[in-house]
Amino acid sequence: MTPTQSCKIRIRSLYASFSEKEKRLADYILNHPEKIIHGTITQIAADTQLADSTVFRFCKRIQYNGFQDMKIALASEQTETLQDIHEHLSVDDDSRTIIRKVFESNMKTLEDTLTVLDEAQFKQAIDVLLHANRIELFGFGGSNVIALDGYHKLIRTGLSVSAQIDAHMQLMSASQLTSSDVAILISHTGHSKDILELVDIFKQNNVPTIGITSFTQSPLNDQVDYALHTLSEETDYRSEALSSRIAQLSLLDALYVSIMMQIEEKGKASITKVRKAIQNRRI
């Protein structure tokens, strides 16, 4: 977390690591920010059935000096922005309204991700990718779709890139990577057993790893060499995993463009080859 991150973003980025009591308080803050702004620590503790000390420690956990410090930050956020629009999706919404709300939700996901993305980690990830003998992307379930999209982008660079669909093939391919290669691991929660099993294989073989996840407090985040974060919210009709894909796709776009900017003429030559190879497939 950085000092510029909003209170809500701090809570959402750490949510998966909270205890049950902390999650109860986090939910209360996210759902009733006005009660925090106008209430006292004793009132909040009573509403959530927690001790005053628990509320105070939570404020420290998300890097505020105390309840009053968090309260001021939250009040500032409320005056700067309207109520999050994705909290108001309704079964009575017409198609035009749904389209607008979904698009605005996606835009907010991208804006929030910009606040948590570590530029230094991003630059280091680019450097590792540029010097790798082979790049492979890994992900399971919905994250595999993102991995394949990353492969579709990065293959245009002319670098050696691959991605597998089948879970067993991912394990087999992972076992062949070396310290001269790099693995990009994608997991929304960062808690997937499958993805963490791959991390163990990479550690055994000293393979550099880049993780893309929405949770800064997760096993994947803690175990990869370079961690790139996205941020999204859950709604009544869309899981946060769905909206996080928008940010993950955009993050891979940024990696691709950054690489192409670095390799310049080599990249242009590679794109020309790709276009020439597929041009006869068009009518």
C-alpha atoms as a PDB file:
ATOM      1  CA  MET A   1       0.000   0.000   0.000  1.00  0.00           C
ATOM      2  CA  THR A   2       1.008   3.601  -0.615  1.00  0.00           C
ATOM      3  CA  PRO A   3      -0.057   6.802   1.199  1.00  0.00           C
ATOM      4  CA  THR A   4      -2.017   7.915  -1.889  1.00  0.00           C
ATOM      5  CA  GLN A   5      -4.289   4.863  -1.931  1.00  0.00           C
ATOM      6  CA  SER A   6      -7.838   5.455  -0.785  1.00  0.00           C
ATOM      7  CA  CYS A   7      -9.249   3.832   2.347  1.00  0.00           C
ATOM      8  CA  LYS A   8     -11.573   1.592   0.330  1.00  0.00           C
ATOM      9  CA  ILE A   9      -8.778   0.438  -1.967  1.00  0.00           C
ATOM     10  CA  ARG A  10      -6.560  -0.385   1.025  1.00  0.00           C
ATOM     11  CA  ILE A  11      -9.355  -2.510   2.494  1.00  0.00           C
ATOM     12  CA  ARG A  12     -10.158  -4.311  -0.752  1.00  0.00           C
ATOM     13  CA  SER A  13      -6.534  -5.097  -1.563  1.00  0.00           C
ATOM     14  CA  LEU A  14      -6.013  -6.710   1.874  1.00  0.00           C
ATOM     15  CA  TYR A  15      -9.474  -8.243   2.293  1.00  0.00           C
ATOM     16  CA  ALA A  16      -8.501 -11.854   1.577  1.00  0.00           C
ATOM     17  CA  SER A  17      -5.951 -11.778   4.410  1.00  0.00           C
ATOM     18  CA  PHE A  18      -8.331 -10.399   7.057  1.00  0.00           C
ATOM     19  CA  SER A  19      -9.585 -12.445   9.996  1.00  0.00           C
ATOM     20  CA  GLU A  20     -13.340 -12.983  10.347  1.00  0.00           C
ATOM     21  CA  LYS A  21     -13.603 -10.043  12.752  1.00  0.00           C
ATOM     22  CA  GLU A  22     -11.598  -7.835  10.424  1.00  0.00           C
ATOM     23  CA  LYS A  23     -13.793  -8.833   7.472  1.00  0.00           C
ATOM     24  CA  ARG A  24     -16.894  -7.952   9.500  1.00  0.00           C
ATOM     25  CA  LEU A  25     -15.490  -4.490  10.141  1.00  0.00           C
ATOM     26  CA  ALA A  26     -14.248  -4.143   6.556  1.00  0.00           C
ATOM     27  CA  ASP A  27     -17.710  -4.974   5.192  1.00  0.00           C
ATOM     28  CA  TYR A  28     -19.248  -2.427   7.562  1.00  0.00           C
ATOM     29  CA  ILE A  29     -16.872   0.313   6.399  1.00  0.00           C
ATOM     30  CA  LEU A  30     -17.365  -0.451   2.708  1.00  0.00           C
ATOM     31  CA  ASN A  31     -21.158  -0.662   2.999  1.00  0.00           C
ATOM     32  CA  HIS A  32     -21.717   2.186   5.472  1.00  0.00           C
ATOM     33  CA  PRO A  33     -18.955   4.781   5.019  1.00  0.00           C
ATOM     34  CA  GLU A  34     -21.292   7.555   6.167  1.00  0.00           C
ATOM     35  CA  LYS A  35     -21.656   5.867   9.578  1.00  0.00           C
ATOM     36  CA  ILE A  36     -17.881   5.849   9.975  1.00  0.00           C
ATOM     37  CA  ILE A  37     -17.663   9.526   9.016  1.00  0.00           C
ATOM     38  CA  HIS A  38     -20.361  10.621  11.473  1.00  0.00           C
ATOM     39  CA  GLY A  39     -19.783   8.053  14.211  1.00  0.00           C
ATOM     40  CA  THR A  40     -17.352   7.404  17.038  1.00  0.00           C
ATOM     41  CA  ILE A  41     -15.084   4.421  17.512  1.00  0.00           C
ATOM     42  CA  THR A  42     -17.341   3.243  20.352  1.00  0.00           C
ATOM     43  CA  GLN A  43     -20.445   3.418  18.142  1.00  0.00           C
ATOM     44  CA  ILE A  44     -18.748   1.505  15.335  1.00  0.00           C
ATOM     45  CA  ALA A  45     -17.520  -1.124  17.787  1.00  0.00           C
ATOM     46  CA  ALA A  46     -21.066  -1.533  19.133  1.00  0.00           C
ATOM     47  CA  ASP A  47     -22.609  -1.792  15.646  1.00  0.00           C
ATOM     48  CA  THR A  48     -20.118  -4.498  14.604  1.00  0.00           C
ATOM     49  CA  GLN A  49     -20.069  -6.220  18.020  1.00  0.00           C
ATOM     50  CA  LEU A  50     -16.336  -5.730  18.297  1.00  0.00           C
ATOM     51  CA  ALA A  51     -14.096  -4.170  20.919  1.00  0.00           C
ATOM     52  CA  ASP A  52     -12.863  -0.599  20.545  1.00  0.00           C
ATOM     53  CA  SER A  53      -9.321  -1.977  20.509  1.00  0.00           C
ATOM     54  CA  THR A  54     -10.184  -4.258  17.560  1.00  0.00           C
ATOM     55  CA  VAL A  55     -11.404  -1.264  15.538  1.00  0.00           C
ATOM     56  CA  PHE A  56      -8.267   0.679  16.434  1.00  0.00           C
ATOM     57  CA  ARG A  57      -5.956  -2.200  15.453  1.00  0.00           C
ATOM     58  CA  PHE A  58      -7.822  -2.527  12.149  1.00  0.00           C
ATOM     59  CA  CYS A  59      -7.111   1.133  11.398  1.00  0.00           C
ATOM     60  CA  LYS A  60      -3.431   0.514  12.081  1.00  0.00           C
ATOM     61  CA  ARG A  61      -3.557  -2.624   9.921  1.00  0.00           C
ATOM     62  CA  ILE A  62      -4.562  -0.586   6.900  1.00  0.00           C
ATOM     63  CA  GLN A  63      -1.824   1.932   7.744  1.00  0.00           C
ATOM     64  CA  TYR A  64      -3.695   4.783   9.405  1.00  0.00           C
ATOM     65  CA  ASN A  65      -2.555   6.346  12.663  1.00  0.00           C
ATOM     66  CA  GLY A  66      -5.900   5.563  14.253  1.00  0.00           C
ATOM     67  CA  PHE A  67      -9.673   5.755  13.876  1.00  0.00           C
ATOM     68  CA  GLN A  68      -9.761   9.542  13.452  1.00  0.00           C
ATOM     69  CA  ASP A  69      -7.108   9.378  10.712  1.00  0.00           C
ATOM     70  CA  MET A  70      -9.110   6.745   8.808  1.00  0.00           C
ATOM     71  CA  LYS A  71     -12.313   8.733   9.344  1.00  0.00           C
ATOM     72  CA  ILE A  72     -10.816  11.872   7.787  1.00  0.00           C
ATOM     73  CA  ALA A  73      -9.495   9.917   4.808  1.00  0.00           C
ATOM     74  CA  LEU A  74     -12.869   8.284   4.226  1.00  0.00           C
ATOM     75  CA  ALA A  75     -14.709  11.609   4.474  1.00  0.00           C
ATOM     76  CA  SER A  76     -12.356  13.103   1.886  1.00  0.00           C
ATOM     77  CA  GLU A  77     -13.049  10.235  -0.493  1.00  0.00           C
ATOM     78  CA  GLN A  78     -16.798  10.610  -0.115  1.00  0.00           C
ATOM     79  CA  THR A  79     -16.687  14.281  -1.074  1.00  0.00           C
ATOM     80  CA  GLU A  80     -14.473  13.606  -4.087  1.00  0.00           C
ATOM     81  CA  THR A  81     -16.462  10.749  -5.618  1.00  0.00           C
ATOM     82  CA  LEU A  82     -20.069   9.700  -5.942  1.00  0.00           C
ATOM     83  CA  GLN A  83     -21.335   6.440  -4.503  1.00  0.00           C
ATOM     84  CA  ASP A  84     -19.824   3.577  -6.519  1.00  0.00           C
ATOM     85  CA  ILE A  85     -22.194   2.976  -9.392  1.00  0.00           C
ATOM     86  CA  HIS A  86     -21.850  -0.785  -9.321  1.00  0.00           C
ATOM     87  CA  GLU A  87     -23.526  -0.877  -5.927  1.00  0.00           C
ATOM     88  CA  HIS A  88     -26.761   0.143  -7.661  1.00  0.00           C
ATOM     89  CA  LEU A  89     -27.345  -2.475 -10.347  1.00  0.00           C
ATOM     90  CA  SER A  90     -31.010  -3.412 -10.306  1.00  0.00           C
ATOM     91  CA  VAL A  91     -33.195  -6.034 -11.975  1.00  0.00           C
ATOM     92  CA  ASP A  92     -35.348  -3.089 -13.087  1.00  0.00           C
ATOM     93  CA  ASP A  93     -32.514  -1.484 -15.068  1.00  0.00           C
ATOM     94  CA  ASP A  94     -33.074  -1.270 -18.818  1.00  0.00           C
ATOM     95  CA  SER A  95     -30.413  -2.393 -21.307  1.00  0.00           C
ATOM     96  CA  ARG A  96     -29.004   1.092 -21.779  1.00  0.00           C
ATOM     97  CA  THR A  97     -28.570   1.564 -18.036  1.00  0.00           C
ATOM     98  CA  ILE A  98     -26.939  -1.853 -17.598  1.00  0.00           C
ATOM     99  CA  ILE A  99     -24.493  -1.131 -20.424  1.00  0.00           C
ATOM    100  CA  ARG A 100     -23.571   2.219 -18.890  1.00  0.00           C
ATOM    101  CA  LYS A 101     -23.096   0.772 -15.400  1.00  0.00           C
ATOM    102  CA  VAL A 102     -20.983  -2.155 -16.610  1.00  0.00           C
ATOM    103  CA  PHE A 103     -18.772   0.139 -18.664  1.00  0.00           C
ATOM    104  CA  GLU A 104     -18.357   2.556 -15.762  1.00  0.00           C
ATOM    105  CA  SER A 105     -17.561  -0.368 -13.464  1.00  0.00           C
ATOM    106  CA  ASN A 106     -14.835  -1.513 -15.849  1.00  0.00           C
ATOM    107  CA  MET A 107     -13.411   1.988 -16.091  1.00  0.00           C
ATOM    108  CA  LYS A 108     -13.263   2.215 -12.305  1.00  0.00           C
ATOM    109  CA  THR A 109     -11.463  -1.141 -12.169  1.00  0.00           C
ATOM    110  CA  LEU A 110      -8.769   0.263 -14.456  1.00  0.00           C
ATOM    111  CA  GLU A 111      -8.502   3.494 -12.473  1.00  0.00           C
ATOM    112  CA  ASP A 112      -8.222   1.607  -9.173  1.00  0.00           C
ATOM    113  CA  THR A 113      -5.597  -0.732 -10.618  1.00  0.00           C
ATOM    114  CA  LEU A 114      -3.421   2.237 -11.542  1.00  0.00           C
ATOM    115  CA  THR A 115      -3.320   3.193  -7.857  1.00  0.00           C
ATOM    116  CA  VAL A 116      -1.988  -0.207  -6.701  1.00  0.00           C
ATOM    117  CA  LEU A 117       0.348  -1.070  -9.579  1.00  0.00           C
ATOM    118  CA  ASP A 118       3.997  -0.886  -8.520  1.00  0.00           C
ATOM    119  CA  GLU A 119       5.912   0.845 -11.327  1.00  0.00           C
ATOM    120  CA  ALA A 120       9.278  -0.408 -10.090  1.00  0.00           C
ATOM    121  CA  GLN A 121       8.066  -4.023 -10.131  1.00  0.00           C
ATOM    122  CA  PHE A 122       6.603  -3.463 -13.596  1.00  0.00           C
ATOM    123  CA  LYS A 123       9.917  -2.161 -14.963  1.00  0.00           C
ATOM    124  CA  GLN A 124      11.817  -5.065 -13.421  1.00  0.00           C
ATOM    125  CA  ALA A 125       9.341  -7.517 -14.944  1.00  0.00           C
ATOM    126  CA  ILE A 126       9.921  -5.973 -18.382  1.00  0.00           C
ATOM    127  CA  ASP A 127      13.688  -6.338 -17.986  1.00  0.00           C
ATOM    128  CA  VAL A 128      13.366 -10.010 -17.017  1.00  0.00           C
ATOM    129  CA  LEU A 129      11.064 -10.718 -19.967  1.00  0.00           C
ATOM    130  CA  LEU A 130      13.431  -9.047 -22.426  1.00  0.00           C
ATOM    131  CA  HIS A 131      16.360 -11.216 -21.314  1.00  0.00           C
ATOM    132  CA  ALA A 132      14.524 -14.545 -21.037  1.00  0.00           C
ATOM    133  CA  ASN A 133      15.257 -17.417 -23.382  1.00  0.00           C
ATOM    134  CA  ARG A 134      11.633 -18.466 -23.111  1.00  0.00           C
ATOM    135  CA  ILE A 135       8.467 -16.906 -21.681  1.00  0.00           C
ATOM    136  CA  GLU A 136       5.528 -19.045 -20.608  1.00  0.00           C
ATOM    137  CA  LEU A 137       2.167 -17.934 -19.237  1.00  0.00           C
ATOM    138  CA  PHE A 138       0.182 -19.976 -16.727  1.00  0.00           C
ATOM    139  CA  GLY A 139      -3.346 -19.765 -15.370  1.00  0.00           C
ATOM    140  CA  PHE A 140      -6.273 -22.020 -14.516  1.00  0.00           C
ATOM    141  CA  GLY A 141      -9.979 -21.581 -15.164  1.00  0.00           C
ATOM    142  CA  GLY A 142     -10.788 -18.004 -16.122  1.00  0.00           C
ATOM    143  CA  SER A 143      -7.153 -17.045 -15.619  1.00  0.00           C
ATOM    144  CA  ASN A 144      -6.147 -19.448 -18.399  1.00  0.00           C
ATOM    145  CA  VAL A 145      -8.158 -17.330 -20.829  1.00  0.00           C
ATOM    146  CA  ILE A 146      -6.070 -14.338 -19.743  1.00  0.00           C
ATOM    147  CA  ALA A 147      -2.865 -16.361 -20.142  1.00  0.00           C
ATOM    148  CA  LEU A 148      -3.836 -17.305 -23.694  1.00  0.00           C
ATOM    149  CA  ASP A 149      -4.593 -13.683 -24.501  1.00  0.00           C
ATOM    150  CA  GLY A 150      -1.149 -12.770 -23.172  1.00  0.00           C
ATOM    151  CA  TYR A 151       0.366 -15.418 -25.421  1.00  0.00           C
ATOM    152  CA  HIS A 152      -1.594 -14.006 -28.383  1.00  0.00           C
ATOM    153  CA  LYS A 153      -0.054 -10.589 -27.711  1.00  0.00           C
ATOM    154  CA  LEU A 154       3.506 -11.552 -26.811  1.00  0.00           C
ATOM    155  CA  ILE A 155       4.012 -13.955 -29.715  1.00  0.00           C
ATOM    156  CA  ARG A 156       3.946 -10.876 -31.953  1.00  0.00           C
ATOM    157  CA  THR A 157       7.151  -9.615 -30.309  1.00  0.00           C
ATOM    158  CA  GLY A 158       9.274 -12.363 -31.837  1.00  0.00           C
ATOM    159  CA  LEU A 159      10.303 -13.555 -28.381  1.00  0.00           C
ATOM    160  CA  SER A 160       9.956 -17.242 -27.551  1.00  0.00           C
ATOM    161  CA  VAL A 161       6.527 -17.445 -25.909  1.00  0.00           C
ATOM    162  CA  SER A 162       4.160 -20.307 -25.056  1.00  0.00           C
ATOM    163  CA  ALA A 163       1.021 -21.156 -23.069  1.00  0.00           C
ATOM    164  CA  GLN A 164      -0.858 -24.386 -22.433  1.00  0.00           C
ATOM    165  CA  ILE A 165      -4.583 -25.005 -21.928  1.00  0.00           C
ATOM    166  CA  ASP A 166      -4.584 -28.402 -20.214  1.00  0.00           C
ATOM    167  CA  ALA A 167      -3.672 -28.455 -16.510  1.00  0.00           C
ATOM    168  CA  HIS A 168      -1.400 -31.483 -16.864  1.00  0.00           C
ATOM    169  CA  MET A 169       0.352 -29.938 -19.855  1.00  0.00           C
ATOM    170  CA  GLN A 170       0.988 -26.815 -17.790  1.00  0.00           C
ATOM    171  CA  LEU A 171       2.642 -28.920 -15.101  1.00  0.00           C
ATOM    172  CA  MET A 172       4.733 -30.794 -17.643  1.00  0.00           C
ATOM    173  CA  SER A 173       5.791 -27.614 -19.420  1.00  0.00           C
ATOM    174  CA  ALA A 174       6.588 -25.922 -16.102  1.00  0.00           C
ATOM    175  CA  SER A 175       8.972 -28.736 -15.210  1.00  0.00           C
ATOM    176  CA  GLN A 176      11.075 -27.944 -18.287  1.00  0.00           C
ATOM    177  CA  LEU A 177      11.700 -24.268 -17.575  1.00  0.00           C
ATOM    178  CA  THR A 178      15.120 -23.199 -16.325  1.00  0.00           C
ATOM    179  CA  SER A 179      16.726 -20.206 -14.633  1.00  0.00           C
ATOM    180  CA  SER A 180      17.182 -18.655 -18.092  1.00  0.00           C
ATOM    181  CA  ASP A 181      13.423 -18.599 -18.683  1.00  0.00           C
ATOM    182  CA  VAL A 182      10.554 -16.734 -17.019  1.00  0.00           C
ATOM    183  CA  ALA A 183       7.058 -17.765 -15.947  1.00  0.00           C
ATOM    184  CA  ILE A 184       4.064 -15.414 -15.802  1.00  0.00           C
ATOM    185  CA  LEU A 185       1.478 -16.731 -13.332  1.00  0.00           C
ATOM    186  CA  ILE A 186      -2.057 -15.327 -13.344  1.00  0.00           C
ATOM    187  CA  SER A 187      -4.519 -15.861 -10.481  1.00  0.00           C
ATOM    188  CA  HIS A 188      -7.228 -13.463  -9.343  1.00  0.00           C
ATOM    189  CA  THR A 189      -7.128 -14.562  -5.694  1.00  0.00           C
ATOM    190  CA  GLY A 190      -3.527 -15.754  -5.561  1.00  0.00           C
ATOM    191  CA  HIS A 191      -4.754 -18.711  -3.503  1.00  0.00           C
ATOM    192  CA  SER A 192      -5.231 -21.297  -6.271  1.00  0.00           C
ATOM    193  CA  LYS A 193      -3.680 -24.635  -5.316  1.00  0.00           C
ATOM    194  CA  ASP A 194      -2.894 -25.331  -8.964  1.00  0.00           C
ATOM    195  CA  ILE A 195      -0.986 -22.099  -9.478  1.00  0.00           C
ATOM    196  CA  LEU A 196       0.875 -22.490  -6.171  1.00  0.00           C
ATOM    197  CA  GLU A 197       1.920 -26.006  -7.175  1.00  0.00           C
ATOM    198  CA  LEU A 198       3.542 -24.452 -10.242  1.00  0.00           C
ATOM    199  CA  VAL A 199       5.330 -21.908  -8.056  1.00  0.00           C
ATOM    200  CA  ASP A 200       6.881 -24.774  -6.078  1.00  0.00           C
ATOM    201  CA  ILE A 201       8.184 -26.310  -9.315  1.00  0.00           C
ATOM    202  CA  PHE A 202       9.662 -22.998 -10.425  1.00  0.00           C
ATOM    203  CA  LYS A 203      11.372 -22.473  -7.082  1.00  0.00           C
ATOM    204  CA  GLN A 204      12.993 -25.893  -7.317  1.00  0.00           C
ATOM    205  CA  ASN A 205      14.386 -24.984 -10.740  1.00  0.00           C
ATOM    206  CA  ASN A 206      15.254 -21.340  -9.941  1.00  0.00           C
ATOM    207  CA  VAL A 207      12.872 -20.040 -12.597  1.00  0.00           C
ATOM    208  CA  PRO A 208      12.151 -16.278 -12.347  1.00  0.00           C
ATOM    209  CA  THR A 209       8.443 -15.668 -11.763  1.00  0.00           C
ATOM    210  CA  ILE A 210       6.043 -12.789 -12.421  1.00  0.00           C
ATOM    211  CA  GLY A 211       2.686 -12.898 -10.649  1.00  0.00           C
ATOM    212  CA  ILE A 212      -0.506 -11.088 -11.656  1.00  0.00           C
ATOM    213  CA  THR A 213      -3.114 -11.092  -8.877  1.00  0.00           C
ATOM    214  CA  SER A 214      -5.760  -8.886  -7.275  1.00  0.00           C
ATOM    215  CA  PHE A 215      -4.662  -9.573  -3.696  1.00  0.00           C
ATOM    216  CA  THR A 216      -1.494  -8.108  -2.233  1.00  0.00           C
ATOM    217  CA  GLN A 217      -1.801 -10.417   0.767  1.00  0.00           C
ATOM    218  CA  SER A 218      -1.815 -13.841  -0.903  1.00  0.00           C
ATOM    219  CA  PRO A 219       0.526 -16.831  -1.217  1.00  0.00           C
ATOM    220  CA  LEU A 220       1.164 -16.071  -4.891  1.00  0.00           C
ATOM    221  CA  ASN A 221       2.053 -12.460  -4.158  1.00  0.00           C
ATOM    222  CA  ASP A 222       4.453 -13.520  -1.401  1.00  0.00           C
ATOM    223  CA  GLN A 223       6.204 -16.234  -3.423  1.00  0.00           C
ATOM    224  CA  VAL A 224       6.778 -14.717  -6.876  1.00  0.00           C
ATOM    225  CA  ASP A 225       9.825 -12.630  -7.700  1.00  0.00           C
ATOM    226  CA  TYR A 226       7.854  -9.782  -9.239  1.00  0.00           C
ATOM    227  CA  ALA A 227       4.251  -9.020  -8.215  1.00  0.00           C
ATOM    228  CA  LEU A 228       1.885  -6.986 -10.403  1.00  0.00           C
ATOM    229  CA  HIS A 229      -1.486  -6.123  -8.882  1.00  0.00           C
ATOM    230  CA  THR A 230      -4.931  -5.414 -10.220  1.00  0.00           C
ATOM    231  CA  LEU A 231      -7.950  -4.255  -8.243  1.00  0.00           C
ATOM    232  CA  SER A 232     -11.680  -4.786  -8.748  1.00  0.00           C
ATOM    233  CA  GLU A 233     -14.982  -4.916  -6.922  1.00  0.00           C
ATOM    234  CA  GLU A 234     -17.692  -7.534  -6.637  1.00  0.00           C
ATOM    235  CA  THR A 235     -21.275  -6.673  -7.532  1.00  0.00           C
ATOM    236  CA  ASP A 236     -24.588  -8.488  -7.202  1.00  0.00           C
ATOM    237  CA  TYR A 237     -24.427  -9.672 -10.800  1.00  0.00           C
ATOM    238  CA  ARG A 238     -20.717  -9.795 -11.599  1.00  0.00           C
ATOM    239  CA  SER A 239     -18.018 -11.388  -9.495  1.00  0.00           C
ATOM    240  CA  GLU A 240     -14.872  -9.351  -8.886  1.00  0.00           C
ATOM    241  CA  ALA A 241     -12.999 -12.073 -10.784  1.00  0.00           C
ATOM    242  CA  LEU A 242     -14.872 -11.030 -13.923  1.00  0.00           C
ATOM    243  CA  SER A 243     -14.095  -7.330 -13.656  1.00  0.00           C
ATOM    244  CA  SER A 244     -10.498  -8.051 -12.663  1.00  0.00           C
ATOM    245  CA  ARG A 245      -9.964  -9.623 -16.076  1.00  0.00           C
ATOM    246  CA  ILE A 246     -10.357  -6.210 -17.660  1.00  0.00           C
ATOM    247  CA  ALA A 247      -7.434  -4.976 -15.576  1.00  0.00           C
ATOM    248  CA  GLN A 248      -5.394  -8.135 -16.183  1.00  0.00           C
ATOM    249  CA  LEU A 249      -5.867  -7.857 -19.947  1.00  0.00           C
ATOM    250  CA  SER A 250      -4.858  -4.201 -19.818  1.00  0.00           C
ATOM    251  CA  LEU A 251      -1.807  -5.042 -17.716  1.00  0.00           C
ATOM    252  CA  LEU A 252      -0.699  -7.605 -20.302  1.00  0.00           C
ATOM    253  CA  ASP A 253      -1.286  -4.974 -22.989  1.00  0.00           C
ATOM    254  CA  ALA A 254       1.049  -2.649 -21.097  1.00  0.00           C
ATOM    255  CA  LEU A 255       3.702  -5.377 -20.830  1.00  0.00           C
ATOM    256  CA  TYR A 256       3.427  -6.077 -24.557  1.00  0.00           C
ATOM    257  CA  VAL A 257       3.651  -2.414 -25.578  1.00  0.00           C
ATOM    258  CA  SER A 258       6.591  -1.811 -23.234  1.00  0.00           C
ATOM    259  CA  ILE A 259       8.479  -4.747 -24.716  1.00  0.00           C
ATOM    260  CA  MET A 260       7.775  -3.581 -28.268  1.00  0.00           C
ATOM    261  CA  MET A 261       9.064  -0.104 -27.397  1.00  0.00           C
ATOM    262  CA  GLN A 262      12.303  -1.657 -26.151  1.00  0.00           C
ATOM    263  CA  ILE A 263      13.013  -3.980 -29.065  1.00  0.00           C
ATOM    264  CA  GLU A 264      11.965  -1.442 -31.734  1.00  0.00           C
ATOM    265  CA  GLU A 265      13.055  -2.695 -35.202  1.00  0.00           C
ATOM    266  CA  LYS A 266      13.064  -6.342 -34.129  1.00  0.00           C
ATOM    267  CA  GLY A 267       9.503  -5.950 -32.959  1.00  0.00           C
ATOM    268  CA  LYS A 268       8.384  -4.238 -36.168  1.00  0.00           C
ATOM    269  CA  ALA A 269       9.960  -7.021 -38.223  1.00  0.00           C
ATOM    270  CA  SER A 270       8.190  -9.644 -36.119  1.00  0.00           C
ATOM    271  CA  ILE A 271       4.780  -7.987 -36.547  1.00  0.00           C
ATOM    272  CA  THR A 272       5.366  -7.800 -40.304  1.00  0.00           C
ATOM    273  CA  LYS A 273       6.009 -11.556 -40.373  1.00  0.00           C
ATOM    274  CA  VAL A 274       2.842 -12.228 -38.387  1.00  0.00           C
ATOM    275  CA  ARG A 275       0.711 -10.051 -40.646  1.00  0.00           C
ATOM    276  CA  LYS A 276       2.159 -11.639 -43.757  1.00  0.00           C
ATOM    277  CA  ALA A 277       1.497 -15.130 -42.404  1.00  0.00           C
ATOM    278  CA  ILE A 278      -2.181 -14.496 -41.696  1.00  0.00           C
ATOM    279  CA  GLN A 279      -3.108 -12.111 -44.523  1.00  0.00           C
ATOM    280  CA  ASN A 280      -4.144 -14.962 -46.833  1.00  0.00           C
ATOM    281  CA  ARG A 281      -6.707 -16.066 -44.246  1.00  0.00           C
ATOM    282  CA  ARG A 282      -8.751 -12.946 -44.868  1.00  0.00           C
ATOM    283  CA  ILE A 283     -11.399 -12.708 -47.585  1.00  0.00           C
END
